[in-house]
Amino acid sequence: MDEPNELAAAQAERDAEELETRGIARIPWGLIVNSDESAEQVIAGIQLRRDSAARERAQVEKRAQRAERDADRYEEHFRGQLVAYTLAQLAATSATTKHIKLVTGQGGDKPTQMGFRMVPGGLRIVDAEQALDWGGDQEDELKFVKVTTAYKPIAAAFKQHYAETGEIPPGTEVVDDKETFYIK
């Protein structure tokens, strides 16, 4: 759906809500709840406002998701150019840093940084269910499985097991160190 139609739909929903508010939802502060009718009037007003709040949250969440998708598309489209520009800027300086700062960043007082960082390799859990099955079968299962509201694999225990034994448990993999580009 395009932006003008979404705006029109949102306005129509606000107009309908305003009509509802003028009827059932208008609750005088001095109302005394002393009958089924007055209790129903108050409850209807409360429910209407809660429903309205839920609709507003859903609309805000949709707009936030759209903004995130747009940001991801821009980053994907310009990523190669940003990497090349950062590399050129780093090559032009004699500094040993692996990032550059852009003054225009986030309001000027918090500059944006672009650069490269090393992400250390090691054992990673890639399939939590498989890792949990394996961890639950071990003699000391509490070492590998965290019990809160749900069972979760304890990554540190899997990494320690790998470091001590060299065994790669099911549901995990070993990855190499990797240098990645970041924008912050």
Protein backbone atom coordinates (compact mmCIF):
# COMPACT_ATOMS: atom_id res chain seq x y z
CA MET A 1 0.00 0.00 0.00
CA ASP A 2 1.39 3.42 -0.83
CA GLU A 3 1.85 6.28 1.63
CA PRO A 4 -1.20 8.48 0.64
CA ASN A 5 -3.59 5.52 0.98
CA GLU A 6 -2.13 4.59 4.36
CA LEU A 7 -2.49 8.18 5.56
CA ALA A 8 -6.09 8.31 4.36
CA ALA A 9 -6.87 4.99 6.06
CA ALA A 10 -5.27 6.16 9.30
CA GLN A 11 -7.26 9.42 9.19
CA ALA A 12 -10.50 7.51 8.53
CA GLU A 13 -9.76 5.27 11.51
CA ARG A 14 -9.10 8.33 13.73
CA ASP A 15 -12.37 9.91 12.52
CA ALA A 16 -14.32 6.74 13.33
CA GLU A 17 -12.63 6.55 16.72
CA GLU A 18 -13.56 10.18 17.43
CA LEU A 19 -17.21 9.39 16.66
CA GLU A 20 -17.07 6.41 19.03
CA THR A 21 -15.43 8.60 21.67
CA ARG A 22 -18.21 11.17 21.49
CA GLY A 23 -20.80 8.44 22.09
CA ILE A 24 -20.08 5.51 24.36
CA ALA A 25 -16.57 6.51 25.39
CA ARG A 26 -17.31 9.99 26.71
CA ILE A 27 -17.35 9.27 30.42
CA PRO A 28 -18.00 12.20 32.75
CA TRP A 29 -15.52 12.26 35.64
CA GLY A 30 -18.39 12.81 38.03
CA LEU A 31 -20.23 9.66 36.90
CA ILE A 32 -21.30 7.45 39.76
CA VAL A 33 -21.31 3.74 38.99
CA ASN A 34 -24.56 2.57 40.54
CA SER A 35 -26.23 0.51 37.80
CA ASP A 36 -25.49 -1.98 35.08
CA GLU A 37 -25.84 0.83 32.53
CA SER A 38 -23.30 3.13 34.20
CA ALA A 39 -20.86 0.22 34.79
CA GLU A 40 -21.19 -0.80 31.15
CA GLN A 41 -20.56 2.80 30.06
CA VAL A 42 -17.32 2.94 32.04
CA ILE A 43 -16.15 -0.51 30.90
CA ALA A 44 -16.98 0.32 27.27
CA GLY A 45 -14.92 3.52 27.54
CA ILE A 46 -11.99 1.67 29.07
CA GLN A 47 -12.10 -1.08 26.45
CA LEU A 48 -12.40 1.44 23.63
CA ARG A 49 -9.32 3.28 24.83
CA ARG A 50 -7.34 0.05 25.25
CA ASP A 51 -8.36 -1.06 21.74
CA SER A 52 -7.33 2.35 20.44
CA ALA A 53 -3.96 2.06 22.18
CA ALA A 54 -3.42 -1.39 20.64
CA ARG A 55 -4.24 -0.05 17.16
CA GLU A 56 -1.85 2.87 17.67
CA ARG A 57 0.95 0.51 18.80
CA ALA A 58 0.38 -1.69 15.73
CA GLN A 59 0.53 1.35 13.43
CA VAL A 60 3.71 2.64 15.06
CA GLU A 61 5.28 -0.82 14.82
CA LYS A 62 4.39 -1.03 11.10
CA ARG A 63 5.97 2.38 10.47
CA ALA A 64 9.08 1.40 12.43
CA GLN A 65 9.42 -1.85 10.46
CA ARG A 66 9.04 0.07 7.18
CA ALA A 67 11.73 2.54 8.26
CA GLU A 68 14.07 -0.35 9.18
CA ARG A 69 13.48 -2.01 5.79
CA ASP A 70 14.21 1.30 4.05
CA ALA A 71 17.41 1.76 6.05
CA ASP A 72 18.49 -1.80 5.21
CA ARG A 73 17.83 -1.20 1.51
CA TYR A 74 19.88 2.00 1.53
CA GLU A 75 22.72 0.31 3.38
CA GLU A 76 22.69 -2.65 0.99
CA HIS A 77 22.61 -0.37 -2.06
CA PHE A 78 25.44 1.93 -0.91
CA ARG A 79 27.52 -0.56 1.13
CA GLY A 80 30.14 -1.13 -1.58
CA GLN A 81 30.64 2.60 -2.08
CA LEU A 82 30.86 3.22 1.68
CA VAL A 83 33.46 0.46 2.05
CA ALA A 84 35.49 1.89 -0.85
CA TYR A 85 35.26 5.43 0.55
CA THR A 86 36.32 4.27 4.02
CA LEU A 87 39.27 2.33 2.61
CA ALA A 88 40.36 5.37 0.58
CA GLN A 89 40.12 7.66 3.62
CA LEU A 90 42.06 5.21 5.78
CA ALA A 91 44.75 4.87 3.11
CA ALA A 92 45.11 8.65 2.94
CA THR A 93 45.91 8.92 6.65
CA SER A 94 48.97 7.71 8.45
CA ALA A 95 46.95 6.81 11.53
CA THR A 96 46.66 3.21 12.61
CA THR A 97 42.92 3.43 13.27
CA LYS A 98 40.56 1.23 11.32
CA HIS A 99 37.64 3.67 11.27
CA ILE A 100 36.71 7.16 10.15
CA LYS A 101 34.32 9.62 11.76
CA LEU A 102 31.73 11.69 9.97
CA VAL A 103 30.89 14.89 11.85
CA THR A 104 27.39 15.06 10.39
CA GLY A 105 26.46 11.77 12.04
CA GLN A 106 23.69 11.60 14.59
CA GLY A 107 22.95 15.24 15.29
CA GLY A 108 26.59 16.36 15.17
CA ASP A 109 27.28 15.68 18.85
CA LYS A 110 27.66 11.95 18.24
CA PRO A 111 29.58 11.42 15.00
CA THR A 112 28.96 8.40 12.85
CA GLN A 113 31.83 5.96 12.56
CA MET A 114 32.53 3.68 9.62
CA GLY A 115 35.27 1.17 9.72
CA PHE A 116 36.46 -2.38 10.09
CA ARG A 117 36.59 -4.59 13.13
CA MET A 118 37.74 -8.09 13.81
CA VAL A 119 35.03 -10.52 14.87
CA PRO A 120 36.77 -13.33 16.72
CA GLY A 121 36.07 -16.83 15.51
CA GLY A 122 35.42 -19.87 17.61
CA LEU A 123 32.56 -22.20 18.35
CA ARG A 124 29.08 -20.86 17.54
CA ILE A 125 25.70 -22.43 18.25
CA VAL A 126 23.86 -22.55 14.93
CA ASP A 127 21.01 -24.93 15.83
CA ALA A 128 19.87 -24.44 19.42
CA GLU A 129 17.55 -27.47 19.33
CA GLN A 130 20.33 -29.86 18.25
CA ALA A 131 22.70 -28.32 20.79
CA LEU A 132 20.09 -28.73 23.54
CA ASP A 133 19.52 -32.38 22.60
CA TRP A 134 23.25 -33.05 22.79
CA GLY A 135 23.71 -31.01 25.98
CA GLY A 136 20.76 -32.73 27.66
CA ASP A 137 22.28 -36.16 26.91
CA GLN A 138 25.53 -35.30 28.70
CA GLU A 139 26.34 -36.62 32.15
CA ASP A 140 26.37 -33.09 33.63
CA GLU A 141 23.51 -31.65 31.55
CA LEU A 142 23.15 -28.57 33.80
CA LYS A 143 26.57 -27.51 32.58
CA PHE A 144 25.21 -27.14 29.03
CA VAL A 145 21.51 -26.33 29.52
CA LYS A 146 20.08 -23.25 31.23
CA VAL A 147 16.61 -23.66 32.68
CA THR A 148 14.59 -20.46 33.05
CA THR A 149 11.17 -20.19 31.47
CA ALA A 150 12.59 -22.26 28.61
CA TYR A 151 15.58 -24.48 28.02
CA LYS A 152 18.51 -22.62 26.46
CA PRO A 153 21.98 -23.82 25.50
CA ILE A 154 24.80 -22.23 27.50
CA ALA A 155 27.21 -21.04 24.81
CA ALA A 156 30.15 -20.62 27.22
CA ALA A 157 29.88 -24.25 28.33
CA PHE A 158 29.89 -25.46 24.72
CA LYS A 159 32.93 -23.27 23.96
CA GLN A 160 34.77 -24.54 27.03
CA HIS A 161 33.98 -28.15 26.07
CA TYR A 162 35.34 -27.50 22.56
CA ALA A 163 38.49 -25.85 23.96
CA GLU A 164 39.12 -28.77 26.33
CA THR A 165 38.25 -31.70 24.05
CA GLY A 166 38.31 -30.41 20.47
CA GLU A 167 34.89 -32.03 19.98
CA ILE A 168 32.39 -30.03 17.93
CA PRO A 169 28.96 -30.84 19.41
CA PRO A 170 25.96 -31.21 17.08
CA GLY A 171 24.20 -27.90 16.45
CA THR A 172 27.47 -25.95 16.59
CA GLU A 173 30.17 -24.96 14.13
CA VAL A 174 33.65 -23.47 14.27
CA VAL A 175 34.13 -20.18 12.43
CA ASP A 176 37.34 -18.32 11.64
CA ASP A 177 38.17 -14.78 12.70
CA LYS A 178 36.63 -12.35 10.24
CA GLU A 179 37.06 -8.66 9.58
CA THR A 180 33.73 -6.93 9.01
CA PHE A 181 32.65 -3.46 7.91
CA TYR A 182 30.45 -1.53 10.33
CA ILE A 183 28.52 1.71 10.49
CA LYS A 184 27.84 3.04 13.96
